[in-house]
Amino acid sequence: MECATEMLATRPQESVTVRAVAAAAEASTTAVYSLFGGKDGLIGAVRDRAVAGLFQHVSAVQTSADPLADLYALAVAYRRWGCGNSHLYTVLFGGVQSFDPSGEVGASDPVRPLLAAIDRALTESVLAGDATAIALSIWATLHGLVTLELAGALDATTAEVAFRSSIHATLRGWATAEVFRGLRRADLSR
């Protein structure tokens, strides 16, 4: 599984064959076929591992009294998992996995904790807008930042500053007028 993950993260999917994975793992192609049923099963198993890992990491974020703090904590967890599991992150979001923002959200879908936090923020009148649009904008911001960080396009200090400011700006952009004014006053007093 480790060899397949690395190969899927670093090579075009078409070039990853059962034979190449078996050779890299010092195993027989028969072993790969019997464990995974073939290339599609192997890709599915790697994808499932990535989904489970990300879900476990973001699900571990504790809920607080502050919905915005919770959304920020989820963003931190997403970034930490992505940077700590670069190959799984690349497999999950680098083309092997299709993404349908209008699709059904499963019980262990990594987006579930984000949607729950957004729903709570909407219910408490902290955010305003469509939950799916809010989730997509937060995810697009996170994905862009993590992808740049993994690609080495940002040094550690720049990545940290860009993460903090971009996530805060995205959350402020969806904040209700009252909450936005309070956030703005807090920013100006710093």
Protein backbone atom coordinates (compact mmCIF):
# COMPACT_ATOMS: atom_id res chain seq x y z
CA MET A 1 0.00 0.00 0.00
CA GLU A 2 2.88 2.41 0.81
CA CYS A 3 4.50 1.80 -2.58
CA ALA A 4 1.21 2.34 -4.40
CA THR A 5 0.57 5.54 -2.43
CA GLU A 6 3.96 6.95 -3.29
CA MET A 7 3.68 5.96 -6.94
CA LEU A 8 0.17 7.40 -7.30
CA ALA A 9 1.34 10.64 -5.68
CA THR A 10 4.45 11.06 -7.80
CA ARG A 11 3.58 9.59 -11.21
CA PRO A 12 0.75 9.86 -13.72
CA GLN A 13 -1.95 7.36 -12.75
CA GLU A 14 -1.72 5.68 -16.16
CA SER A 15 1.92 4.74 -15.51
CA VAL A 16 1.14 2.97 -12.24
CA THR A 17 0.65 -0.69 -13.00
CA VAL A 18 0.12 -3.72 -10.80
CA ARG A 19 3.47 -5.02 -12.02
CA ALA A 20 5.27 -1.76 -11.10
CA VAL A 21 3.67 -1.67 -7.63
CA ALA A 22 4.48 -5.34 -7.03
CA ALA A 23 8.11 -4.80 -8.09
CA ALA A 24 8.46 -1.72 -5.83
CA ALA A 25 6.95 -3.65 -2.91
CA GLU A 26 9.13 -6.70 -3.66
CA ALA A 27 5.96 -8.77 -3.97
CA SER A 28 4.33 -10.79 -6.70
CA THR A 29 1.62 -9.47 -8.97
CA THR A 30 -0.48 -12.39 -7.70
CA ALA A 31 -0.27 -10.94 -4.18
CA VAL A 32 -1.47 -7.53 -5.38
CA TYR A 33 -4.31 -9.11 -7.36
CA SER A 34 -5.38 -11.34 -4.46
CA LEU A 35 -5.31 -8.44 -1.95
CA PHE A 36 -6.88 -5.75 -4.12
CA GLY A 37 -8.38 -7.43 -7.18
CA GLY A 38 -6.29 -5.31 -9.55
CA LYS A 39 -5.25 -1.74 -10.19
CA ASP A 40 -8.70 -0.21 -9.59
CA GLY A 41 -9.02 -2.01 -6.26
CA LEU A 42 -5.54 -0.87 -5.24
CA ILE A 43 -6.32 2.75 -6.14
CA GLY A 44 -9.59 2.46 -4.22
CA ALA A 45 -7.80 1.11 -1.15
CA VAL A 46 -5.24 3.95 -1.22
CA ARG A 47 -8.03 6.49 -1.66
CA ASP A 48 -10.02 4.94 1.20
CA ARG A 49 -6.94 5.12 3.43
CA ALA A 50 -6.50 8.80 2.59
CA VAL A 51 -10.18 9.60 3.22
CA ALA A 52 -10.14 7.72 6.54
CA GLY A 53 -6.96 9.46 7.68
CA LEU A 54 -8.21 12.94 6.87
CA PHE A 55 -11.63 12.21 8.40
CA GLN A 56 -10.04 10.92 11.60
CA HIS A 57 -7.81 13.98 11.88
CA VAL A 58 -10.51 16.62 11.32
CA SER A 59 -13.04 14.69 13.43
CA ALA A 60 -10.68 14.90 16.40
CA VAL A 61 -11.12 18.70 16.54
CA GLN A 62 -13.04 19.57 19.68
CA THR A 63 -16.08 21.85 19.50
CA SER A 64 -15.85 25.09 21.48
CA ALA A 65 -18.26 27.91 22.23
CA ASP A 66 -16.95 29.89 19.24
CA PRO A 67 -18.04 28.65 15.77
CA LEU A 68 -15.36 30.74 14.00
CA ALA A 69 -12.65 29.32 16.26
CA ASP A 70 -13.93 25.84 15.46
CA LEU A 71 -13.78 26.50 11.72
CA TYR A 72 -10.24 27.82 12.09
CA ALA A 73 -9.29 24.73 14.15
CA LEU A 74 -10.68 22.49 11.38
CA ALA A 75 -8.56 24.39 8.86
CA VAL A 76 -5.48 23.87 11.06
CA ALA A 77 -6.25 20.15 11.32
CA TYR A 78 -6.71 19.86 7.54
CA ARG A 79 -3.40 21.62 6.90
CA ARG A 80 -1.56 19.57 9.52
CA TRP A 81 -2.86 16.31 8.02
CA GLY A 82 -2.10 17.40 4.45
CA CYS A 83 1.44 18.49 5.25
CA GLY A 84 2.08 15.43 7.41
CA ASN A 85 0.69 13.00 4.83
CA SER A 86 1.79 14.58 1.58
CA HIS A 87 1.50 11.45 -0.56
CA LEU A 88 -1.98 10.60 0.71
CA TYR A 89 -3.01 14.23 0.28
CA THR A 90 -1.74 14.24 -3.30
CA VAL A 91 -3.55 10.98 -4.06
CA LEU A 92 -6.76 12.34 -2.56
CA PHE A 93 -6.70 15.75 -4.24
CA GLY A 94 -4.20 15.41 -7.06
CA GLY A 95 -6.42 13.80 -9.67
CA VAL A 96 -6.92 10.20 -8.54
CA GLN A 97 -10.04 11.18 -6.59
CA SER A 98 -12.92 12.89 -8.35
CA PHE A 99 -14.71 15.65 -6.48
CA ASP A 100 -18.42 16.36 -6.82
CA PRO A 101 -19.44 19.29 -4.58
CA SER A 102 -23.10 18.46 -5.12
CA GLY A 103 -22.61 14.81 -4.17
CA GLU A 104 -23.98 13.02 -1.13
CA VAL A 105 -21.88 13.43 2.01
CA GLY A 106 -21.16 10.07 3.62
CA ALA A 107 -20.91 9.40 7.34
CA SER A 108 -17.10 9.31 7.25
CA ASP A 109 -16.58 11.95 4.58
CA PRO A 110 -13.83 14.39 5.63
CA VAL A 111 -16.06 17.33 4.69
CA ARG A 112 -18.71 16.31 7.26
CA PRO A 113 -17.06 18.07 10.26
CA LEU A 114 -16.62 21.22 8.15
CA LEU A 115 -20.27 21.19 7.07
CA ALA A 116 -21.40 20.63 10.67
CA ALA A 117 -19.33 23.59 11.86
CA ILE A 118 -20.67 25.76 9.03
CA ASP A 119 -24.25 24.73 9.83
CA ARG A 120 -23.67 25.66 13.46
CA ALA A 121 -22.19 29.04 12.48
CA LEU A 122 -25.17 29.70 10.21
CA THR A 123 -27.64 28.69 12.92
CA GLU A 124 -25.92 30.99 15.43
CA SER A 125 -25.92 33.86 12.87
CA VAL A 126 -22.13 34.02 12.82
CA LEU A 127 -21.94 33.28 9.08
CA ALA A 128 -24.39 34.13 6.31
CA GLY A 129 -24.74 32.41 2.94
CA ASP A 130 -25.18 29.01 1.37
CA ALA A 131 -23.47 26.23 3.34
CA THR A 132 -22.13 24.53 0.20
CA ALA A 133 -20.71 27.79 -1.17
CA ILE A 134 -19.08 28.54 2.18
CA ALA A 135 -17.60 25.03 2.36
CA LEU A 136 -16.25 25.27 -1.19
CA SER A 137 -14.62 28.65 -0.56
CA ILE A 138 -12.99 27.43 2.66
CA TRP A 139 -11.85 24.22 0.96
CA ALA A 140 -10.54 26.04 -2.11
CA THR A 141 -8.52 28.38 0.12
CA LEU A 142 -7.19 25.49 2.21
CA HIS A 143 -6.43 23.32 -0.80
CA GLY A 144 -4.57 26.11 -2.56
CA LEU A 145 -2.49 26.91 0.51
CA VAL A 146 -1.64 23.29 1.32
CA THR A 147 -0.83 22.52 -2.31
CA LEU A 148 1.53 25.51 -2.50
CA GLU A 149 3.14 24.51 0.78
CA LEU A 150 3.64 20.90 -0.34
CA ALA A 151 5.10 22.06 -3.65
CA GLY A 152 7.70 24.09 -1.76
CA ALA A 153 6.42 27.36 -3.22
CA LEU A 154 6.21 28.92 0.25
CA ASP A 155 8.87 28.90 2.95
CA ALA A 156 7.67 27.98 6.45
CA THR A 157 7.21 31.56 7.67
CA THR A 158 5.38 32.67 4.53
CA ALA A 159 3.20 29.55 4.61
CA GLU A 160 2.19 30.24 8.22
CA VAL A 161 1.40 33.92 7.60
CA ALA A 162 -0.47 33.13 4.36
CA PHE A 163 -2.46 30.39 6.08
CA ARG A 164 -3.48 32.54 9.03
CA SER A 165 -4.38 35.60 7.00
CA SER A 166 -6.14 33.71 4.18
CA ILE A 167 -8.29 31.56 6.46
CA HIS A 168 -9.22 34.56 8.59
CA ALA A 169 -10.07 36.58 5.47
CA THR A 170 -12.20 33.76 4.07
CA LEU A 171 -14.11 33.40 7.32
CA ARG A 172 -14.57 37.19 7.59
CA GLY A 173 -15.92 37.20 4.05
CA TRP A 174 -18.81 34.95 5.10
CA ALA A 175 -19.37 36.57 8.51
CA THR A 176 -22.63 38.37 9.21
CA ALA A 177 -22.36 42.17 9.26
CA GLU A 178 -22.46 42.30 13.05
CA VAL A 179 -19.80 39.63 13.49
CA PHE A 180 -17.67 41.19 10.75
CA ARG A 181 -17.70 44.58 12.52
CA GLY A 182 -16.59 42.91 15.75
CA LEU A 183 -13.79 41.06 13.96
CA ARG A 184 -12.70 44.24 12.19
CA ARG A 185 -12.56 46.15 15.50
CA ALA A 186 -10.48 43.35 17.00
CA ASP A 187 -8.11 43.44 13.99
CA LEU A 188 -7.70 47.21 14.25
CA SER A 189 -6.96 47.09 17.97
CA ARG A 190 -4.00 44.73 17.47
